[in-house]
C-alpha atoms as a PDB file:
ATOM      1  CA  UNK A   1      23.632  82.826 -37.338  1.00  0.00           C
ATOM      2  CA  UNK A   2      23.998  80.391 -34.448  1.00  0.00           C
ATOM      3  CA  UNK A   3      25.008  76.828 -35.297  1.00  0.00           C
ATOM      4  CA  UNK A   4      22.344  74.150 -35.268  1.00  0.00           C
ATOM      5  CA  UNK A   5      22.591  71.784 -32.299  1.00  0.00           C
ATOM      6  CA  UNK A   6      23.882  68.883 -34.420  1.00  0.00           C
ATOM      7  CA  UNK A   7      26.567  71.135 -35.959  1.00  0.00           C
ATOM      8  CA  UNK A   8      27.623  72.353 -32.523  1.00  0.00           C
ATOM      9  CA  UNK A   9      27.843  68.775 -31.289  1.00  0.00           C
ATOM     10  CA  UNK A  10      29.999  67.840 -34.276  1.00  0.00           C
ATOM     11  CA  UNK A  11      32.288  70.816 -33.693  1.00  0.00           C
ATOM     12  CA  UNK A  12      32.714  70.039 -30.009  1.00  0.00           C
ATOM     13  CA  UNK A  13      33.329  66.364 -30.806  1.00  0.00           C
ATOM     14  CA  UNK A  14      36.150  67.280 -33.187  1.00  0.00           C
ATOM     15  CA  UNK A  15      37.637  69.623 -30.579  1.00  0.00           C
ATOM     16  CA  UNK A  16      37.870  66.975 -27.850  1.00  0.00           C
ATOM     17  CA  UNK A  17      41.423  66.097 -28.865  1.00  0.00           C
ATOM     18  CA  UNK A  18      42.412  69.728 -29.285  1.00  0.00           C
ATOM     19  CA  UNK A  19      44.728  71.621 -26.932  1.00  0.00           C
ATOM     20  CA  UNK A  20      43.129  74.303 -24.772  1.00  0.00           C
ATOM     21  CA  UNK A  21      44.824  77.046 -26.753  1.00  0.00           C
ATOM     22  CA  UNK A  22      42.613  76.114 -29.711  1.00  0.00           C
ATOM     23  CA  UNK A  23      39.510  74.970 -27.846  1.00  0.00           C
ATOM     24  CA  UNK A  24      35.882  76.112 -28.104  1.00  0.00           C
ATOM     25  CA  UNK A  25      36.476  79.466 -26.384  1.00  0.00           C
ATOM     26  CA  UNK A  26      38.955  80.350 -29.160  1.00  0.00           C
ATOM     27  CA  UNK A  27      36.319  79.462 -31.743  1.00  0.00           C
ATOM     28  CA  UNK A  28      33.764  81.723 -30.054  1.00  0.00           C
ATOM     29  CA  UNK A  29      36.192  84.656 -29.982  1.00  0.00           C
ATOM     30  CA  UNK A  30      37.018  84.172 -33.668  1.00  0.00           C
ATOM     31  CA  UNK A  31      33.309  84.099 -34.445  1.00  0.00           C
ATOM     32  CA  UNK A  32      32.706  87.382 -32.598  1.00  0.00           C
ATOM     33  CA  UNK A  33      35.698  89.039 -34.244  1.00  0.00           C
ATOM     34  CA  UNK A  34      34.640  87.742 -37.639  1.00  0.00           C
ATOM     35  CA  UNK A  35      31.139  89.116 -37.258  1.00  0.00           C
ATOM     36  CA  UNK A  36      32.522  92.485 -36.158  1.00  0.00           C
ATOM     37  CA  UNK A  37      34.990  92.743 -39.036  1.00  0.00           C
ATOM     38  CA  UNK A  38      32.447  91.350 -41.469  1.00  0.00           C
ATOM     39  CA  UNK A  39      29.887  94.024 -40.612  1.00  0.00           C
ATOM     40  CA  UNK A  40      32.446  96.747 -41.284  1.00  0.00           C
ATOM     41  CA  UNK A  41      33.727  95.175 -44.498  1.00  0.00           C
ATOM     42  CA  UNK A  42      30.322  94.146 -45.875  1.00  0.00           C
ATOM     43  CA  UNK A  43      30.936  90.381 -45.819  1.00  0.00           C
ATOM     44  CA  UNK A  44      28.232  87.711 -45.950  1.00  0.00           C
ATOM     45  CA  UNK A  45      27.438  87.103 -42.247  1.00  0.00           C
ATOM     46  CA  UNK A  46      26.157  83.560 -42.776  1.00  0.00           C
ATOM     47  CA  UNK A  47      29.333  82.466 -44.550  1.00  0.00           C
ATOM     48  CA  UNK A  48      31.602  84.154 -42.007  1.00  0.00           C
ATOM     49  CA  UNK A  49      29.746  82.692 -39.019  1.00  0.00           C
ATOM     50  CA  UNK A  50      29.581  79.158 -40.362  1.00  0.00           C
ATOM     51  CA  UNK A  51      33.246  79.213 -41.366  1.00  0.00           C
ATOM     52  CA  UNK A  52      34.279  80.608 -37.978  1.00  0.00           C
ATOM     53  CA  UNK A  53      32.403  77.903 -36.069  1.00  0.00           C
ATOM     54  CA  UNK A  54      34.005  75.165 -38.155  1.00  0.00           C
ATOM     55  CA  UNK A  55      37.462  76.584 -38.864  1.00  0.00           C
ATOM     56  CA  UNK A  56      39.416  74.524 -36.299  1.00  0.00           C
ATOM     57  CA  UNK A  57      37.708  71.140 -36.435  1.00  0.00           C
ATOM     58  CA  UNK A  58      40.885  69.658 -37.910  1.00  0.00           C
ATOM     59  CA  UNK A  59      43.116  71.012 -35.151  1.00  0.00           C
ATOM     60  CA  UNK A  60      43.169  67.871 -32.983  1.00  0.00           C
ATOM     61  CA  UNK A  61      44.877  65.696 -35.614  1.00  0.00           C
ATOM     62  CA  UNK A  62      47.426  68.453 -36.303  1.00  0.00           C
ATOM     63  CA  UNK A  63      48.376  68.605 -32.625  1.00  0.00           C
ATOM     64  CA  UNK A  64      48.447  64.807 -32.352  1.00  0.00           C
ATOM     65  CA  UNK A  65      50.754  64.603 -35.379  1.00  0.00           C
ATOM     66  CA  UNK A  66      53.024  67.413 -34.078  1.00  0.00           C
ATOM     67  CA  UNK A  67      52.229  69.551 -37.077  1.00  0.00           C
ATOM     68  CA  UNK A  68      52.473  66.936 -39.825  1.00  0.00           C
ATOM     69  CA  UNK A  69      48.744  67.295 -40.597  1.00  0.00           C
ATOM     70  CA  UNK A  70      47.444  70.651 -41.894  1.00  0.00           C
ATOM     71  CA  UNK A  71      44.377  71.415 -39.810  1.00  0.00           C
ATOM     72  CA  UNK A  72      43.006  73.900 -42.352  1.00  0.00           C
ATOM     73  CA  UNK A  73      43.014  71.432 -45.229  1.00  0.00           C
ATOM     74  CA  UNK A  74      41.711  68.580 -43.064  1.00  0.00           C
ATOM     75  CA  UNK A  75      39.160  70.905 -41.478  1.00  0.00           C
ATOM     76  CA  UNK A  76      37.645  71.726 -44.867  1.00  0.00           C
ATOM     77  CA  UNK A  77      37.324  67.998 -45.577  1.00  0.00           C
ATOM     78  CA  UNK A  78      35.685  67.321 -42.213  1.00  0.00           C
ATOM     79  CA  UNK A  79      33.362  70.298 -42.600  1.00  0.00           C
ATOM     80  CA  UNK A  80      32.170  69.342 -46.087  1.00  0.00           C
ATOM     81  CA  UNK A  81      29.330  66.986 -45.013  1.00  0.00           C
ATOM     82  CA  UNK A  82      28.135  69.473 -42.401  1.00  0.00           C
ATOM     83  CA  UNK A  83      28.183  72.362 -44.847  1.00  0.00           C
ATOM     84  CA  UNK A  84      26.402  70.262 -47.482  1.00  0.00           C
ATOM     85  CA  UNK A  85      23.385  70.041 -45.170  1.00  0.00           C
ATOM     86  CA  UNK A  86      23.051  73.811 -44.778  1.00  0.00           C
ATOM     87  CA  UNK A  87      20.174  75.517 -46.658  1.00  0.00           C
ATOM     88  CA  UNK A  88      22.569  77.707 -48.644  1.00  0.00           C
ATOM     89  CA  UNK A  89      23.438  78.071 -52.305  1.00  0.00           C
ATOM     90  CA  UNK A  90      26.339  76.052 -53.710  1.00  0.00           C
ATOM     91  CA  UNK A  91      28.579  79.147 -54.054  1.00  0.00           C
ATOM     92  CA  UNK A  92      28.036  80.084 -50.402  1.00  0.00           C
ATOM     93  CA  UNK A  93      28.753  76.534 -49.241  1.00  0.00           C
ATOM     94  CA  UNK A  94      31.961  76.493 -51.289  1.00  0.00           C
ATOM     95  CA  UNK A  95      32.905  79.883 -49.840  1.00  0.00           C
ATOM     96  CA  UNK A  96      32.591  78.448 -46.325  1.00  0.00           C
ATOM     97  CA  UNK A  97      34.894  75.548 -47.183  1.00  0.00           C
ATOM     98  CA  UNK A  98      37.365  77.831 -48.955  1.00  0.00           C
ATOM     99  CA  UNK A  99      37.432  80.132 -45.920  1.00  0.00           C
ATOM    100  CA  UNK A 100      38.256  77.185 -43.654  1.00  0.00           C
ATOM    101  CA  UNK A 101      40.857  75.840 -46.079  1.00  0.00           C
ATOM    102  CA  UNK A 102      42.652  79.192 -46.373  1.00  0.00           C
ATOM    103  CA  UNK A 103      42.568  80.519 -42.800  1.00  0.00           C
ATOM    104  CA  UNK A 104      45.941  79.143 -41.658  1.00  0.00           C
ATOM    105  CA  UNK A 105      48.872  81.577 -41.279  1.00  0.00           C
ATOM    106  CA  UNK A 106      51.392  78.946 -42.377  1.00  0.00           C
ATOM    107  CA  UNK A 107      49.114  77.351 -44.955  1.00  0.00           C
ATOM    108  CA  UNK A 108      49.576  77.365 -48.697  1.00  0.00           C
ATOM    109  CA  UNK A 109      46.026  78.340 -49.649  1.00  0.00           C
ATOM    110  CA  UNK A 110      45.507  82.094 -50.137  1.00  0.00           C
ATOM    111  CA  UNK A 111      42.112  83.589 -49.116  1.00  0.00           C
ATOM    112  CA  UNK A 112      40.381  84.584 -52.347  1.00  0.00           C
ATOM    113  CA  UNK A 113      37.008  85.862 -51.106  1.00  0.00           C
ATOM    114  CA  UNK A 114      36.090  88.682 -48.740  1.00  0.00           C
ATOM    115  CA  UNK A 115      34.652  86.177 -46.270  1.00  0.00           C
ATOM    116  CA  UNK A 116      37.851  84.127 -46.321  1.00  0.00           C
ATOM    117  CA  UNK A 117      39.892  87.268 -45.667  1.00  0.00           C
ATOM    118  CA  UNK A 118      37.601  88.184 -42.769  1.00  0.00           C
ATOM    119  CA  UNK A 119      38.022  84.746 -41.183  1.00  0.00           C
ATOM    120  CA  UNK A 120      41.788  84.880 -41.698  1.00  0.00           C
ATOM    121  CA  UNK A 121      41.984  88.250 -39.921  1.00  0.00           C
ATOM    122  CA  UNK A 122      39.652  87.220 -37.092  1.00  0.00           C
ATOM    123  CA  UNK A 123      41.691  84.099 -36.401  1.00  0.00           C
ATOM    124  CA  UNK A 124      44.971  86.028 -36.491  1.00  0.00           C
ATOM    125  CA  UNK A 125      43.690  88.761 -34.181  1.00  0.00           C
ATOM    126  CA  UNK A 126      43.078  86.110 -31.520  1.00  0.00           C
ATOM    127  CA  UNK A 127      46.757  85.151 -31.818  1.00  0.00           C
ATOM    128  CA  UNK A 128      48.110  88.592 -30.872  1.00  0.00           C
ATOM    129  CA  UNK A 129      47.586  91.095 -28.073  1.00  0.00           C
ATOM    130  CA  UNK A 130      46.938  90.013 -24.481  1.00  0.00           C
ATOM    131  CA  UNK A 131      44.916  86.945 -25.448  1.00  0.00           C
ATOM    132  CA  UNK A 132      47.492  85.982 -28.050  1.00  0.00           C
ATOM    133  CA  UNK A 133      50.289  86.098 -25.473  1.00  0.00           C
ATOM    134  CA  UNK A 134      48.260  83.979 -23.064  1.00  0.00           C
ATOM    135  CA  UNK A 135      47.503  81.454 -25.784  1.00  0.00           C
ATOM    136  CA  UNK A 136      51.156  81.258 -26.839  1.00  0.00           C
ATOM    137  CA  UNK A 137      52.226  80.335 -23.318  1.00  0.00           C
ATOM    138  CA  UNK A 138      49.262  78.016 -22.849  1.00  0.00           C
ATOM    139  CA  UNK A 139      50.270  76.110 -25.989  1.00  0.00           C
ATOM    140  CA  UNK A 140      53.911  76.011 -24.857  1.00  0.00           C
ATOM    141  CA  UNK A 141      52.802  74.482 -21.568  1.00  0.00           C
ATOM    142  CA  UNK A 142      50.591  71.966 -23.339  1.00  0.00           C
ATOM    143  CA  UNK A 143      53.516  70.577 -25.334  1.00  0.00           C
ATOM    144  CA  UNK A 144      55.987  70.720 -22.438  1.00  0.00           C
ATOM    145  CA  UNK A 145      58.105  73.628 -23.687  1.00  0.00           C
ATOM    146  CA  UNK A 146      60.363  75.584 -21.340  1.00  0.00           C
ATOM    147  CA  UNK A 147      59.687  79.200 -20.372  1.00  0.00           C
ATOM    148  CA  UNK A 148      62.476  80.676 -22.494  1.00  0.00           C
ATOM    149  CA  UNK A 149      65.965  79.981 -23.795  1.00  0.00           C
ATOM    150  CA  UNK A 150      67.868  83.098 -24.753  1.00  0.00           C
ATOM    151  CA  UNK A 151      70.926  81.064 -25.747  1.00  0.00           C
ATOM    152  CA  UNK A 152      69.381  79.720 -28.951  1.00  0.00           C
ATOM    153  CA  UNK A 153      68.120  81.388 -32.095  1.00  0.00           C
ATOM    154  CA  UNK A 154      64.349  80.704 -32.294  1.00  0.00           C
ATOM    155  CA  UNK A 155      64.694  80.177 -36.047  1.00  0.00           C
ATOM    156  CA  UNK A 156      66.962  77.174 -35.375  1.00  0.00           C
ATOM    157  CA  UNK A 157      64.503  75.408 -33.066  1.00  0.00           C
ATOM    158  CA  UNK A 158      61.708  72.971 -33.854  1.00  0.00           C
ATOM    159  CA  UNK A 159      57.954  73.300 -33.450  1.00  0.00           C
ATOM    160  CA  UNK A 160      56.343  70.976 -30.886  1.00  0.00           C
ATOM    161  CA  UNK A 161      59.670  70.672 -29.069  1.00  0.00           C
ATOM    162  CA  UNK A 162      60.954  71.793 -25.651  1.00  0.00           C
ATOM    163  CA  UNK A 163      62.162  74.960 -27.386  1.00  0.00           C
ATOM    164  CA  UNK A 164      58.720  75.820 -28.835  1.00  0.00           C
ATOM    165  CA  UNK A 165      58.286  78.609 -26.301  1.00  0.00           C
ATOM    166  CA  UNK A 166      55.924  81.553 -26.185  1.00  0.00           C
ATOM    167  CA  UNK A 167      58.808  83.809 -27.167  1.00  0.00           C
ATOM    168  CA  UNK A 168      59.632  81.567 -30.148  1.00  0.00           C
ATOM    169  CA  UNK A 169      56.040  81.863 -31.334  1.00  0.00           C
ATOM    170  CA  UNK A 170      56.284  85.633 -31.038  1.00  0.00           C
ATOM    171  CA  UNK A 171      59.541  85.900 -32.982  1.00  0.00           C
ATOM    172  CA  UNK A 172      58.603  83.478 -35.767  1.00  0.00           C
ATOM    173  CA  UNK A 173      54.914  84.258 -36.196  1.00  0.00           C
ATOM    174  CA  UNK A 174      53.124  86.697 -33.915  1.00  0.00           C
ATOM    175  CA  UNK A 175      55.347  89.705 -34.667  1.00  0.00           C
ATOM    176  CA  UNK A 176      54.571  89.263 -38.380  1.00  0.00           C
ATOM    177  CA  UNK A 177      50.796  89.012 -38.128  1.00  0.00           C
ATOM    178  CA  UNK A 178      50.119  92.756 -38.229  1.00  0.00           C
ATOM    179  CA  UNK A 179      51.692  92.947 -41.683  1.00  0.00           C
ATOM    180  CA  UNK A 180      49.676  89.987 -42.958  1.00  0.00           C
ATOM    181  CA  UNK A 181      46.196  91.309 -42.167  1.00  0.00           C
ATOM    182  CA  UNK A 182      43.918  91.317 -45.202  1.00  0.00           C
ATOM    183  CA  UNK A 183      41.102  93.744 -44.348  1.00  0.00           C
ATOM    184  CA  UNK A 184      41.109  97.408 -43.387  1.00  0.00           C
ATOM    185  CA  UNK A 185      39.194  96.720 -40.172  1.00  0.00           C
ATOM    186  CA  UNK A 186      41.530  93.852 -39.294  1.00  0.00           C
ATOM    187  CA  UNK A 187      44.610  96.009 -39.782  1.00  0.00           C
ATOM    188  CA  UNK A 188      43.186  98.718 -37.525  1.00  0.00           C
ATOM    189  CA  UNK A 189      42.402  96.238 -34.753  1.00  0.00           C
ATOM    190  CA  UNK A 190      45.828  94.631 -35.091  1.00  0.00           C
ATOM    191  CA  UNK A 191      47.738  97.864 -34.473  1.00  0.00           C
ATOM    192  CA  UNK A 192      46.940  98.211 -30.770  1.00  0.00           C
ATOM    193  CA  UNK A 193      47.267  94.493 -30.115  1.00  0.00           C
ATOM    194  CA  UNK A 194      50.673  94.472 -31.798  1.00  0.00           C
ATOM    195  CA  UNK A 195      51.946  97.407 -29.732  1.00  0.00           C
ATOM    196  CA  UNK A 196      50.852  95.758 -26.488  1.00  0.00           C
ATOM    197  CA  UNK A 197      52.455  92.449 -27.455  1.00  0.00           C
ATOM    198  CA  UNK A 198      55.702  94.107 -28.534  1.00  0.00           C
ATOM    199  CA  UNK A 199      55.976  95.942 -25.214  1.00  0.00           C
ATOM    200  CA  UNK A 200      55.226  92.758 -23.283  1.00  0.00           C
ATOM    201  CA  UNK A 201      57.961  90.698 -24.933  1.00  0.00           C
ATOM    202  CA  UNK A 202      60.505  93.505 -24.585  1.00  0.00           C
ATOM    203  CA  UNK A 203      59.731  93.562 -20.866  1.00  0.00           C
ATOM    204  CA  UNK A 204      59.702  89.763 -20.662  1.00  0.00           C
ATOM    205  CA  UNK A 205      63.254  89.464 -22.000  1.00  0.00           C
ATOM    206  CA  UNK A 206      64.426  92.255 -19.700  1.00  0.00           C
ATOM    207  CA  UNK A 207      63.050  90.537 -16.626  1.00  0.00           C
ATOM    208  CA  UNK A 208      64.086  87.043 -17.709  1.00  0.00           C
ATOM    209  CA  UNK A 209      67.677  88.216 -18.035  1.00  0.00           C
ATOM    210  CA  UNK A 210      67.520  89.915 -14.635  1.00  0.00           C
ATOM    211  CA  UNK A 211      67.945  93.413 -16.053  1.00  0.00           C
ATOM    212  CA  UNK A 212      64.662  94.853 -14.867  1.00  0.00           C
END
């Protein structure tokens, strides 16, 4: 299901204040991954597609607030009037909003439906592997973070600070994503991406410290 032109315009409008690491190209990748996983898992393709297109419309305010706003919760609120106009049953519309509300790795809402689990996995897959590494460093550059600081424990640093590096994102989040996948297909796809990412960051530290 492709989004209607007015829905696409609304999505792009909400993404104008969003960093490039969470821009429209990320949304398109999540949509493709969601459709792929959804076909394997037997999920409702209309719910998965709609939720994927709308899942990050609250991201701009989260970035502007340096993480004080939850983009998943806000995104579900912003998506509600758009979803209400879709020619779908009430349960499917609610499933779309629940999927958006529960897709965040650090969020407090647990995905309860198959479609929500598919969206969660699709979004997380785009955060690991080669693309995930690139996005981590893109985000670090967007907020003015340094390349790396081996003298500090990443767990003792702050998000949206100069120490919010690509390596920090790997140590605090990306290395844990493989274990958090919720579908069989998602777990299988995550394995190779995780191995690549692990090897990259091992090499990165080696080179950064001048040992390789």
